[in-house]
């Protein structure tokens, strides 16, 4: 059900990475 990840998180998702990690826009922290 890998396609559901993109639908849930609204961003590109890749699998088989060395570890779990996500990127974000740091300007969101000051919102």
ModelCIF file with pLDDT and N, C-alpha, C, O atoms, coordinates in Angstrom:
data_MODEL
#
_entry.id   MODEL 
#
_entity.id                         1 
_entity.type                       polymer 
_entity.pdbx_number_of_molecules   1 
#
_entity_poly.entity_id                      1 
_entity_poly.type                           'polypeptide(L)' 
_entity_poly.nstd_linkage                   no 
_entity_poly.nstd_monomer                   no 
_entity_poly.pdbx_seq_one_letter_code       
;(UNK)(UNK)(UNK)(UNK)(UNK)(UNK)(UNK)(UNK)(UNK)(UNK)(UNK)(UNK)(UNK)(UNK)(UNK)(UNK)
(UNK)(UNK)(UNK)(UNK)(UNK)(UNK)(UNK)(UNK)(UNK)(UNK)(UNK)(UNK)(UNK)(UNK)(UNK)
;
_entity_poly.pdbx_seq_one_letter_code_can   XXXXXXXXXXXXXXXXXXXXXXXXXXXXXXX 
_entity_poly.pdbx_strand_id                 A 
#
loop_
_entity_poly_seq.entity_id 
_entity_poly_seq.num 
_entity_poly_seq.mon_id 
_entity_poly_seq.hetero 
1 1  UNK n 
1 2  UNK n 
1 3  UNK n 
1 4  UNK n 
1 5  UNK n 
1 6  UNK n 
1 7  UNK n 
1 8  UNK n 
1 9  UNK n 
1 10 UNK n 
1 11 UNK n 
1 12 UNK n 
1 13 UNK n 
1 14 UNK n 
1 15 UNK n 
1 16 UNK n 
1 17 UNK n 
1 18 UNK n 
1 19 UNK n 
1 20 UNK n 
1 21 UNK n 
1 22 UNK n 
1 23 UNK n 
1 24 UNK n 
1 25 UNK n 
1 26 UNK n 
1 27 UNK n 
1 28 UNK n 
1 29 UNK n 
1 30 UNK n 
1 31 UNK n 
#
_struct_asym.id          A 
_struct_asym.entity_id   1 
#
loop_
_ma_qa_metric.id 
_ma_qa_metric.mode 
_ma_qa_metric.name 
_ma_qa_metric.software_group_id 
_ma_qa_metric.type 
1 global pLDDT . pLDDT 
2 local  pLDDT . pLDDT 
#
_ma_qa_metric_global.metric_id      1 
_ma_qa_metric_global.metric_value   94.48 
_ma_qa_metric_global.model_id       1 
_ma_qa_metric_global.ordinal_id     1 
#
loop_
_ma_qa_metric_local.label_asym_id 
_ma_qa_metric_local.label_comp_id 
_ma_qa_metric_local.label_seq_id 
_ma_qa_metric_local.metric_id 
_ma_qa_metric_local.metric_value 
_ma_qa_metric_local.model_id 
_ma_qa_metric_local.ordinal_id 
A UNK 1  2 93.00 1 1  
A UNK 2  2 94.00 1 2  
A UNK 3  2 94.00 1 3  
A UNK 4  2 94.00 1 4  
A UNK 5  2 95.00 1 5  
A UNK 6  2 93.00 1 6  
A UNK 7  2 93.00 1 7  
A UNK 8  2 94.00 1 8  
A UNK 9  2 95.00 1 9  
A UNK 10 2 96.00 1 10 
A UNK 11 2 96.00 1 11 
A UNK 12 2 96.00 1 12 
A UNK 13 2 96.00 1 13 
A UNK 14 2 97.00 1 14 
A UNK 15 2 97.00 1 15 
A UNK 16 2 96.00 1 16 
A UNK 17 2 96.00 1 17 
A UNK 18 2 94.00 1 18 
A UNK 19 2 93.00 1 19 
A UNK 20 2 95.00 1 20 
A UNK 21 2 95.00 1 21 
A UNK 22 2 96.00 1 22 
A UNK 23 2 96.00 1 23 
A UNK 24 2 95.00 1 24 
A UNK 25 2 94.00 1 25 
A UNK 26 2 93.00 1 26 
A UNK 27 2 93.00 1 27 
A UNK 28 2 93.00 1 28 
A UNK 29 2 92.00 1 29 
A UNK 30 2 93.00 1 30 
A UNK 31 2 92.00 1 31 
#
loop_
_atom_site.group_PDB 
_atom_site.id 
_atom_site.type_symbol 
_atom_site.label_atom_id 
_atom_site.label_alt_id 
_atom_site.label_comp_id 
_atom_site.label_asym_id 
_atom_site.label_entity_id 
_atom_site.label_seq_id 
_atom_site.pdbx_PDB_ins_code 
_atom_site.Cartn_x 
_atom_site.Cartn_y 
_atom_site.Cartn_z 
_atom_site.occupancy 
_atom_site.B_iso_or_equiv 
_atom_site.pdbx_formal_charge 
_atom_site.auth_seq_id 
_atom_site.auth_comp_id 
_atom_site.auth_asym_id 
_atom_site.auth_atom_id 
_atom_site.pdbx_PDB_model_num 
ATOM 1   N N  . UNK A 1 1  ? 0.824  -1.208 0.000  1.00 93.00 ? 1  UNK A N  1 
ATOM 2   C CA . UNK A 1 1  ? 0.000  0.000  0.000  1.00 93.00 ? 1  UNK A CA 1 
ATOM 3   C C  . UNK A 1 1  ? 0.860  1.262  0.000  1.00 93.00 ? 1  UNK A C  1 
ATOM 4   O O  . UNK A 1 1  ? 0.448  2.293  0.533  1.00 93.00 ? 1  UNK A O  1 
ATOM 5   N N  . UNK A 1 2  ? 2.054  1.189  -0.594 1.00 94.00 ? 2  UNK A N  1 
ATOM 6   C CA . UNK A 1 2  ? 2.999  2.309  -0.570 1.00 94.00 ? 2  UNK A CA 1 
ATOM 7   C C  . UNK A 1 2  ? 2.403  3.604  -1.120 1.00 94.00 ? 2  UNK A C  1 
ATOM 8   O O  . UNK A 1 2  ? 2.755  4.690  -0.659 1.00 94.00 ? 2  UNK A O  1 
ATOM 9   N N  . UNK A 1 3  ? 1.500  3.499  -2.102 1.00 94.00 ? 3  UNK A N  1 
ATOM 10  C CA . UNK A 1 3  ? 0.902  4.694  -2.693 1.00 94.00 ? 3  UNK A CA 1 
ATOM 11  C C  . UNK A 1 3  ? 0.136  5.524  -1.657 1.00 94.00 ? 3  UNK A C  1 
ATOM 12  O O  . UNK A 1 3  ? -0.003 6.737  -1.810 1.00 94.00 ? 3  UNK A O  1 
ATOM 13  N N  . UNK A 1 4  ? -0.354 4.873  -0.616 1.00 94.00 ? 4  UNK A N  1 
ATOM 14  C CA . UNK A 1 4  ? -1.128 5.583  0.405  1.00 94.00 ? 4  UNK A CA 1 
ATOM 15  C C  . UNK A 1 4  ? -0.270 6.580  1.178  1.00 94.00 ? 4  UNK A C  1 
ATOM 16  O O  . UNK A 1 4  ? -0.783 7.579  1.681  1.00 94.00 ? 4  UNK A O  1 
ATOM 17  N N  . UNK A 1 5  ? 1.033  6.315  1.276  1.00 95.00 ? 5  UNK A N  1 
ATOM 18  C CA . UNK A 1 5  ? 1.915  7.222  2.009  1.00 95.00 ? 5  UNK A CA 1 
ATOM 19  C C  . UNK A 1 5  ? 1.856  8.626  1.412  1.00 95.00 ? 5  UNK A C  1 
ATOM 20  O O  . UNK A 1 5  ? 1.722  9.612  2.137  1.00 95.00 ? 5  UNK A O  1 
ATOM 21  N N  . UNK A 1 6  ? 1.958  8.707  0.078  1.00 93.00 ? 6  UNK A N  1 
ATOM 22  C CA . UNK A 1 6  ? 1.915  10.004 -0.575 1.00 93.00 ? 6  UNK A CA 1 
ATOM 23  C C  . UNK A 1 6  ? 0.583  10.693 -0.371 1.00 93.00 ? 6  UNK A C  1 
ATOM 24  O O  . UNK A 1 6  ? 0.518  11.914 -0.232 1.00 93.00 ? 6  UNK A O  1 
ATOM 25  N N  . UNK A 1 7  ? -0.491 9.896  -0.354 1.00 93.00 ? 7  UNK A N  1 
ATOM 26  C CA . UNK A 1 7  ? -1.825 10.452 -0.154 1.00 93.00 ? 7  UNK A CA 1 
ATOM 27  C C  . UNK A 1 7  ? -1.996 10.987 1.262  1.00 93.00 ? 7  UNK A C  1 
ATOM 28  O O  . UNK A 1 7  ? -2.662 12.000 1.476  1.00 93.00 ? 7  UNK A O  1 
ATOM 29  N N  . UNK A 1 8  ? -1.388 10.295 2.231  1.00 94.00 ? 8  UNK A N  1 
ATOM 30  C CA . UNK A 1 8  ? -1.524 10.699 3.635  1.00 94.00 ? 8  UNK A CA 1 
ATOM 31  C C  . UNK A 1 8  ? -0.651 11.904 3.961  1.00 94.00 ? 8  UNK A C  1 
ATOM 32  O O  . UNK A 1 8  ? -1.105 12.839 4.620  1.00 94.00 ? 8  UNK A O  1 
ATOM 33  N N  . UNK A 1 9  ? 0.614  11.889 3.497  1.00 95.00 ? 9  UNK A N  1 
ATOM 34  C CA . UNK A 1 9  ? 1.571  12.912 3.912  1.00 95.00 ? 9  UNK A CA 1 
ATOM 35  C C  . UNK A 1 9  ? 1.718  14.070 2.919  1.00 95.00 ? 9  UNK A C  1 
ATOM 36  O O  . UNK A 1 9  ? 2.363  15.071 3.231  1.00 95.00 ? 9  UNK A O  1 
ATOM 37  N N  . UNK A 1 10 ? 1.133  13.942 1.742  1.00 96.00 ? 10 UNK A N  1 
ATOM 38  C CA . UNK A 1 10 ? 1.149  15.023 0.753  1.00 96.00 ? 10 UNK A CA 1 
ATOM 39  C C  . UNK A 1 10 ? 2.561  15.478 0.394  1.00 96.00 ? 10 UNK A C  1 
ATOM 40  O O  . UNK A 1 10 ? 2.832  16.674 0.283  1.00 96.00 ? 10 UNK A O  1 
ATOM 41  N N  . UNK A 1 11 ? 3.460  14.500 0.214  1.00 96.00 ? 11 UNK A N  1 
ATOM 42  C CA . UNK A 1 11 ? 4.823  14.807 -0.190 1.00 96.00 ? 11 UNK A CA 1 
ATOM 43  C C  . UNK A 1 11 ? 5.453  13.554 -0.797 1.00 96.00 ? 11 UNK A C  1 
ATOM 44  O O  . UNK A 1 11 ? 4.916  12.461 -0.620 1.00 96.00 ? 11 UNK A O  1 
ATOM 45  N N  . UNK A 1 12 ? 6.577  13.683 -1.507 1.00 96.00 ? 12 UNK A N  1 
ATOM 46  C CA . UNK A 1 12 ? 7.254  12.502 -2.049 1.00 96.00 ? 12 UNK A CA 1 
ATOM 47  C C  . UNK A 1 12 ? 7.752  11.599 -0.922 1.00 96.00 ? 12 UNK A C  1 
ATOM 48  O O  . UNK A 1 12 ? 8.269  12.082 0.085  1.00 96.00 ? 12 UNK A O  1 
ATOM 49  N N  . UNK A 1 13 ? 7.594  10.276 -1.098 1.00 96.00 ? 13 UNK A N  1 
ATOM 50  C CA . UNK A 1 13 ? 8.014  9.302  -0.082 1.00 96.00 ? 13 UNK A CA 1 
ATOM 51  C C  . UNK A 1 13 ? 8.841  8.218  -0.753 1.00 96.00 ? 13 UNK A C  1 
ATOM 52  O O  . UNK A 1 13 ? 8.425  7.654  -1.765 1.00 96.00 ? 13 UNK A O  1 
ATOM 53  N N  . UNK A 1 14 ? 10.030 7.920  -0.187 1.00 97.00 ? 14 UNK A N  1 
ATOM 54  C CA . UNK A 1 14 ? 10.867 6.836  -0.698 1.00 97.00 ? 14 UNK A CA 1 
ATOM 55  C C  . UNK A 1 14 ? 11.093 5.812  0.409  1.00 97.00 ? 14 UNK A C  1 
ATOM 56  O O  . UNK A 1 14 ? 11.067 6.151  1.592  1.00 97.00 ? 14 UNK A O  1 
ATOM 57  N N  . UNK A 1 15 ? 11.314 4.562  0.022  1.00 97.00 ? 15 UNK A N  1 
ATOM 58  C CA . UNK A 1 15 ? 11.483 3.471  0.980  1.00 97.00 ? 15 UNK A CA 1 
ATOM 59  C C  . UNK A 1 15 ? 12.876 2.845  0.853  1.00 97.00 ? 15 UNK A C  1 
ATOM 60  O O  . UNK A 1 15 ? 13.599 3.092  -0.113 1.00 97.00 ? 15 UNK A O  1 
ATOM 61  N N  . UNK A 1 16 ? 13.231 2.029  1.853  1.00 96.00 ? 16 UNK A N  1 
ATOM 62  C CA . UNK A 1 16 ? 14.524 1.347  1.844  1.00 96.00 ? 16 UNK A CA 1 
ATOM 63  C C  . UNK A 1 16 ? 15.682 2.246  2.213  1.00 96.00 ? 16 UNK A C  1 
ATOM 64  O O  . UNK A 1 16 ? 16.826 1.954  1.864  1.00 96.00 ? 16 UNK A O  1 
ATOM 65  N N  . UNK A 1 17 ? 15.409 3.340  2.916  1.00 96.00 ? 17 UNK A N  1 
ATOM 66  C CA . UNK A 1 17 ? 16.469 4.264  3.338  1.00 96.00 ? 17 UNK A CA 1 
ATOM 67  C C  . UNK A 1 17 ? 17.257 3.664  4.504  1.00 96.00 ? 17 UNK A C  1 
ATOM 68  O O  . UNK A 1 17 ? 16.766 2.749  5.165  1.00 96.00 ? 17 UNK A O  1 
ATOM 69  N N  . UNK A 1 18 ? 18.460 4.157  4.768  1.00 94.00 ? 18 UNK A N  1 
ATOM 70  C CA . UNK A 1 18 ? 19.252 3.648  5.903  1.00 94.00 ? 18 UNK A CA 1 
ATOM 71  C C  . UNK A 1 18 ? 18.567 3.878  7.245  1.00 94.00 ? 18 UNK A C  1 
ATOM 72  O O  . UNK A 1 18 ? 18.787 3.126  8.195  1.00 94.00 ? 18 UNK A O  1 
ATOM 73  N N  . UNK A 1 19 ? 17.738 4.914  7.324  1.00 93.00 ? 19 UNK A N  1 
ATOM 74  C CA . UNK A 1 19 ? 17.026 5.244  8.553  1.00 93.00 ? 19 UNK A CA 1 
ATOM 75  C C  . UNK A 1 19 ? 15.802 6.080  8.187  1.00 93.00 ? 19 UNK A C  1 
ATOM 76  O O  . UNK A 1 19 ? 15.662 6.539  7.053  1.00 93.00 ? 19 UNK A O  1 
ATOM 77  N N  . UNK A 1 20 ? 14.920 6.270  9.167  1.00 95.00 ? 20 UNK A N  1 
ATOM 78  C CA . UNK A 1 20 ? 13.744 7.115  8.941  1.00 95.00 ? 20 UNK A CA 1 
ATOM 79  C C  . UNK A 1 20 ? 14.152 8.583  9.065  1.00 95.00 ? 20 UNK A C  1 
ATOM 80  O O  . UNK A 1 20 ? 14.681 8.991  10.099 1.00 95.00 ? 20 UNK A O  1 
ATOM 81  N N  . UNK A 1 21 ? 13.914 9.377  8.026  1.00 95.00 ? 21 UNK A N  1 
ATOM 82  C CA . UNK A 1 21 ? 14.164 10.808 8.161  1.00 95.00 ? 21 UNK A CA 1 
ATOM 83  C C  . UNK A 1 21 ? 13.293 11.591 7.186  1.00 95.00 ? 21 UNK A C  1 
ATOM 84  O O  . UNK A 1 21 ? 12.945 11.113 6.107  1.00 95.00 ? 21 UNK A O  1 
ATOM 85  N N  . UNK A 1 22 ? 12.950 12.813 7.602  1.00 96.00 ? 22 UNK A N  1 
ATOM 86  C CA . UNK A 1 22 ? 12.047 13.658 6.836  1.00 96.00 ? 22 UNK A CA 1 
ATOM 87  C C  . UNK A 1 22 ? 12.636 15.066 6.765  1.00 96.00 ? 22 UNK A C  1 
ATOM 88  O O  . UNK A 1 22 ? 13.353 15.493 7.670  1.00 96.00 ? 22 UNK A O  1 
ATOM 89  N N  . UNK A 1 23 ? 12.335 15.767 5.707  1.00 96.00 ? 23 UNK A N  1 
ATOM 90  C CA . UNK A 1 23 ? 12.786 17.146 5.590  1.00 96.00 ? 23 UNK A CA 1 
ATOM 91  C C  . UNK A 1 23 ? 11.581 18.084 5.675  1.00 96.00 ? 23 UNK A C  1 
ATOM 92  O O  . UNK A 1 23 ? 10.456 17.696 5.362  1.00 96.00 ? 23 UNK A O  1 
ATOM 93  N N  . UNK A 1 24 ? 11.832 19.319 6.100  1.00 95.00 ? 24 UNK A N  1 
ATOM 94  C CA . UNK A 1 24 ? 10.769 20.310 6.211  1.00 95.00 ? 24 UNK A CA 1 
ATOM 95  C C  . UNK A 1 24 ? 11.357 21.704 6.033  1.00 95.00 ? 24 UNK A C  1 
ATOM 96  O O  . UNK A 1 24 ? 12.573 21.884 6.097  1.00 95.00 ? 24 UNK A O  1 
ATOM 97  N N  . UNK A 1 25 ? 10.513 22.663 5.817  1.00 94.00 ? 25 UNK A N  1 
ATOM 98  C CA . UNK A 1 25 ? 10.911 24.059 5.677  1.00 94.00 ? 25 UNK A CA 1 
ATOM 99  C C  . UNK A 1 25 ? 11.052 24.650 7.086  1.00 94.00 ? 25 UNK A C  1 
ATOM 100 O O  . UNK A 1 25 ? 10.053 24.782 7.794  1.00 94.00 ? 25 UNK A O  1 
ATOM 101 N N  . UNK A 1 26 ? 12.276 25.007 7.505  1.00 93.00 ? 26 UNK A N  1 
ATOM 102 C CA . UNK A 1 26 ? 12.469 25.508 8.879  1.00 93.00 ? 26 UNK A CA 1 
ATOM 103 C C  . UNK A 1 26 ? 11.716 26.797 9.188  1.00 93.00 ? 26 UNK A C  1 
ATOM 104 O O  . UNK A 1 26 ? 11.539 27.139 10.358 1.00 93.00 ? 26 UNK A O  1 
ATOM 105 N N  . UNK A 1 27 ? 11.271 27.515 8.164  1.00 93.00 ? 27 UNK A N  1 
ATOM 106 C CA . UNK A 1 27 ? 10.512 28.744 8.417  1.00 93.00 ? 27 UNK A CA 1 
ATOM 107 C C  . UNK A 1 27 ? 9.180  28.425 9.102  1.00 93.00 ? 27 UNK A C  1 
ATOM 108 O O  . UNK A 1 27 ? 8.565  29.301 9.709  1.00 93.00 ? 27 UNK A O  1 
ATOM 109 N N  . UNK A 1 28 ? 8.737  27.161 9.001  1.00 93.00 ? 28 UNK A N  1 
ATOM 110 C CA . UNK A 1 28 ? 7.492  26.753 9.656  1.00 93.00 ? 28 UNK A CA 1 
ATOM 111 C C  . UNK A 1 28 ? 7.586  26.895 11.177 1.00 93.00 ? 28 UNK A C  1 
ATOM 112 O O  . UNK A 1 28 ? 6.581  27.128 11.848 1.00 93.00 ? 28 UNK A O  1 
ATOM 113 N N  . UNK A 1 29 ? 8.805  26.753 11.714 1.00 92.00 ? 29 UNK A N  1 
ATOM 114 C CA . UNK A 1 29 ? 8.989  26.811 13.168 1.00 92.00 ? 29 UNK A CA 1 
ATOM 115 C C  . UNK A 1 29 ? 8.646  28.194 13.732 1.00 92.00 ? 29 UNK A C  1 
ATOM 116 O O  . UNK A 1 29 ? 8.250  28.317 14.891 1.00 92.00 ? 29 UNK A O  1 
ATOM 117 N N  . UNK A 1 30 ? 8.801  29.226 12.905 1.00 93.00 ? 30 UNK A N  1 
ATOM 118 C CA . UNK A 1 30 ? 8.539  30.593 13.364 1.00 93.00 ? 30 UNK A CA 1 
ATOM 119 C C  . UNK A 1 30 ? 7.119  31.051 13.071 1.00 93.00 ? 30 UNK A C  1 
ATOM 120 O O  . UNK A 1 30 ? 6.757  32.192 13.358 1.00 93.00 ? 30 UNK A O  1 
ATOM 121 N N  . UNK A 1 31 ? 6.319  30.165 12.501 1.00 92.00 ? 31 UNK A N  1 
ATOM 122 C CA . UNK A 1 31 ? 4.959  30.533 12.118 1.00 92.00 ? 31 UNK A CA 1 
ATOM 123 C C  . UNK A 1 31 ? 4.098  30.819 13.345 1.00 92.00 ? 31 UNK A C  1 
ATOM 124 O O  . UNK A 1 31 ? 2.918  31.145 13.210 1.00 92.00 ? 31 UNK A O  1 
#
